C-alpha atoms as a PDB file:
ATOM      1  CA  UNK A   1      -8.278   3.497   1.914  1.00  0.00           C
ATOM      2  CA  UNK A   2      -6.446   0.387   2.053  1.00  0.00           C
ATOM      3  CA  UNK A   3      -6.137  -0.981   5.820  1.00  0.00           C
ATOM      4  CA  UNK A   4      -4.056  -4.029   7.105  1.00  0.00           C
ATOM      5  CA  UNK A   5      -3.869  -5.449  10.311  1.00  0.00           C
ATOM      6  CA  UNK A   6      -0.950  -7.836  10.493  1.00  0.00           C
ATOM      7  CA  UNK A   7      -1.650  -9.035  13.823  1.00  0.00           C
ATOM      8  CA  UNK A   8      -5.078 -10.369  12.765  1.00  0.00           C
ATOM      9  CA  UNK A   9      -4.762 -14.294  11.981  1.00  0.00           C
ATOM     10  CA  UNK A  10      -6.866 -13.916   9.141  1.00  0.00           C
ATOM     11  CA  UNK A  11      -4.310 -11.619   7.521  1.00  0.00           C
ATOM     12  CA  UNK A  12      -1.348 -14.148   8.200  1.00  0.00           C
ATOM     13  CA  UNK A  13      -0.565 -14.582   4.545  1.00  0.00           C
ATOM     14  CA  UNK A  14      -0.048 -10.619   4.310  1.00  0.00           C
ATOM     15  CA  UNK A  15       2.934 -11.046   6.863  1.00  0.00           C
ATOM     16  CA  UNK A  16       4.758 -12.252   3.629  1.00  0.00           C
ATOM     17  CA  UNK A  17       6.313  -9.173   2.053  1.00  0.00           C
ATOM     18  CA  UNK A  18       5.713 -10.110  -1.673  1.00  0.00           C
ATOM     19  CA  UNK A  19       2.079 -10.926  -0.575  1.00  0.00           C
ATOM     20  CA  UNK A  20       1.540  -7.574   1.273  1.00  0.00           C
ATOM     21  CA  UNK A  21       3.067  -5.600  -1.695  1.00  0.00           C
ATOM     22  CA  UNK A  22       1.012  -7.090  -4.152  1.00  0.00           C
ATOM     23  CA  UNK A  23      -2.134  -7.065  -1.866  1.00  0.00           C
ATOM     24  CA  UNK A  24      -1.902  -3.150  -1.603  1.00  0.00           C
ATOM     25  CA  UNK A  25      -0.832  -2.582  -4.999  1.00  0.00           C
ATOM     26  CA  UNK A  26      -3.752  -4.415  -6.346  1.00  0.00           C
ATOM     27  CA  UNK A  27      -6.171  -2.101  -4.629  1.00  0.00           C
ATOM     28  CA  UNK A  28      -4.461   1.103  -5.800  1.00  0.00           C
ATOM     29  CA  UNK A  29      -4.309   0.770  -9.554  1.00  0.00           C
ATOM     30  CA  UNK A  30      -5.309   4.051 -10.797  1.00  0.00           C
ATOM     31  CA  UNK A  31      -3.728   7.723 -10.100  1.00  0.00           C
ATOM     32  CA  UNK A  32      -6.238   8.602  -7.166  1.00  0.00           C
ATOM     33  CA  UNK A  33      -4.796   9.159  -4.059  1.00  0.00           C
ATOM     34  CA  UNK A  34      -4.919   5.889  -1.718  1.00  0.00           C
ATOM     35  CA  UNK A  35      -4.307   6.180   2.278  1.00  0.00           C
ATOM     36  CA  UNK A  36      -2.149   3.030   3.292  1.00  0.00           C
ATOM     37  CA  UNK A  37      -2.673   1.996   7.109  1.00  0.00           C
ATOM     38  CA  UNK A  38      -0.556  -0.917   8.152  1.00  0.00           C
ATOM     39  CA  UNK A  39      -0.954  -1.982  11.851  1.00  0.00           C
ATOM     40  CA  UNK A  40       1.745  -4.262  13.490  1.00  0.00           C
ATOM     41  CA  UNK A  41       3.972  -3.771  10.470  1.00  0.00           C
ATOM     42  CA  UNK A  42       7.063  -5.393  12.173  1.00  0.00           C
ATOM     43  CA  UNK A  43       4.910  -8.643  11.863  1.00  0.00           C
ATOM     44  CA  UNK A  44       6.110  -8.602   7.934  1.00  0.00           C
ATOM     45  CA  UNK A  45       9.701  -9.629   7.209  1.00  0.00           C
ATOM     46  CA  UNK A  46      11.546  -6.882   5.597  1.00  0.00           C
ATOM     47  CA  UNK A  47       8.703  -4.697   5.687  1.00  0.00           C
ATOM     48  CA  UNK A  48      10.995  -1.458   5.028  1.00  0.00           C
ATOM     49  CA  UNK A  49      11.575  -3.173   1.495  1.00  0.00           C
ATOM     50  CA  UNK A  50       7.840  -3.037   1.140  1.00  0.00           C
ATOM     51  CA  UNK A  51       7.487   0.393   2.471  1.00  0.00           C
ATOM     52  CA  UNK A  52      10.261   1.725   0.579  1.00  0.00           C
ATOM     53  CA  UNK A  53       8.673   0.415  -2.554  1.00  0.00           C
ATOM     54  CA  UNK A  54       5.424   2.105  -1.781  1.00  0.00           C
ATOM     55  CA  UNK A  55       7.244   5.419  -1.594  1.00  0.00           C
ATOM     56  CA  UNK A  56       7.773   5.356  -5.448  1.00  0.00           C
ATOM     57  CA  UNK A  57       3.884   5.326  -6.003  1.00  0.00           C
ATOM     58  CA  UNK A  58       3.146   9.081  -5.621  1.00  0.00           C
ATOM     59  CA  UNK A  59      -0.360   8.274  -5.132  1.00  0.00           C
ATOM     60  CA  UNK A  60       0.241   6.300  -1.963  1.00  0.00           C
ATOM     61  CA  UNK A  61       0.065   8.256   1.464  1.00  0.00           C
ATOM     62  CA  UNK A  62       1.660   5.453   4.094  1.00  0.00           C
ATOM     63  CA  UNK A  63       0.721   4.987   7.612  1.00  0.00           C
ATOM     64  CA  UNK A  64       2.362   2.474   9.654  1.00  0.00           C
ATOM     65  CA  UNK A  65       2.176   1.417  13.450  1.00  0.00           C
ATOM     66  CA  UNK A  66       3.929  -1.115  15.464  1.00  0.00           C
ATOM     67  CA  UNK A  67       4.653  -1.993  18.938  1.00  0.00           C
ATOM     68  CA  UNK A  68       8.034  -3.336  18.525  1.00  0.00           C
ATOM     69  CA  UNK A  69      10.818  -1.509  19.916  1.00  0.00           C
ATOM     70  CA  UNK A  70      12.676  -1.767  16.742  1.00  0.00           C
ATOM     71  CA  UNK A  71      10.464   0.433  15.002  1.00  0.00           C
ATOM     72  CA  UNK A  72      11.114   3.371  17.511  1.00  0.00           C
ATOM     73  CA  UNK A  73      14.955   2.732  17.232  1.00  0.00           C
ATOM     74  CA  UNK A  74      17.190   4.936  15.222  1.00  0.00           C
ATOM     75  CA  UNK A  75      17.961   2.192  13.316  1.00  0.00           C
ATOM     76  CA  UNK A  76      14.886   2.136  11.332  1.00  0.00           C
ATOM     77  CA  UNK A  77      15.399   5.580  10.276  1.00  0.00           C
ATOM     78  CA  UNK A  78      18.280   4.785   8.235  1.00  0.00           C
ATOM     79  CA  UNK A  79      16.304   2.201   6.419  1.00  0.00           C
ATOM     80  CA  UNK A  80      13.512   4.526   5.123  1.00  0.00           C
ATOM     81  CA  UNK A  81      14.211   7.463   2.894  1.00  0.00           C
ATOM     82  CA  UNK A  82      11.188   9.338   4.708  1.00  0.00           C
ATOM     83  CA  UNK A  83      10.608  11.460   7.799  1.00  0.00           C
ATOM     84  CA  UNK A  84       9.671   9.177  10.649  1.00  0.00           C
ATOM     85  CA  UNK A  85       7.395  10.759  13.207  1.00  0.00           C
ATOM     86  CA  UNK A  86       7.381   8.846  16.708  1.00  0.00           C
ATOM     87  CA  UNK A  87       4.324   9.240  18.478  1.00  0.00           C
ATOM     88  CA  UNK A  88       3.916   8.575  22.324  1.00  0.00           C
ATOM     89  CA  UNK A  89       1.028   8.499  24.277  1.00  0.00           C
ATOM     90  CA  UNK A  90       0.863   9.358  27.848  1.00  0.00           C
ATOM     91  CA  UNK A  91       0.588   6.455  30.628  1.00  0.00           C
ATOM     92  CA  UNK A  92      -1.835   7.035  33.059  1.00  0.00           C
ATOM     93  CA  UNK A  93      -2.102   4.455  35.803  1.00  0.00           C
ATOM     94  CA  UNK A  94      -5.473   3.049  36.692  1.00  0.00           C
ATOM     95  CA  UNK A  95      -6.881   4.190  40.088  1.00  0.00           C
ATOM     96  CA  UNK A  96      -7.087   1.697  42.753  1.00  0.00           C
ATOM     97  CA  UNK A  97     -10.675   1.995  42.937  1.00  0.00           C
ATOM     98  CA  UNK A  98     -11.043   0.806  39.276  1.00  0.00           C
ATOM     99  CA  UNK A  99      -8.516  -2.044  39.579  1.00  0.00           C
ATOM    100  CA  UNK A 100     -10.593  -3.685  42.238  1.00  0.00           C
ATOM    101  CA  UNK A 101     -14.216  -3.249  40.786  1.00  0.00           C
END
């Protein structure tokens, strides 16, 4: 398993697409199945090129998250030749008693 959190300052160098690509592939150098988790993927410029490249590796199972509206747009769906699943989480307001505690 390879996990990358791109909003962590310690991973700032991985926001470069070439660096991110090489970082992941260096950790997945055999035929075993690897699960790749990339959080805040929109912080990597041209991330869709990196993800498309990962798709060529049959042993990589890729999961990405992001908070940018671009990630949820239909435009992204045309950039990646994969099925994109949009997850939404229910929003529950905090009761007044908890806000003032």
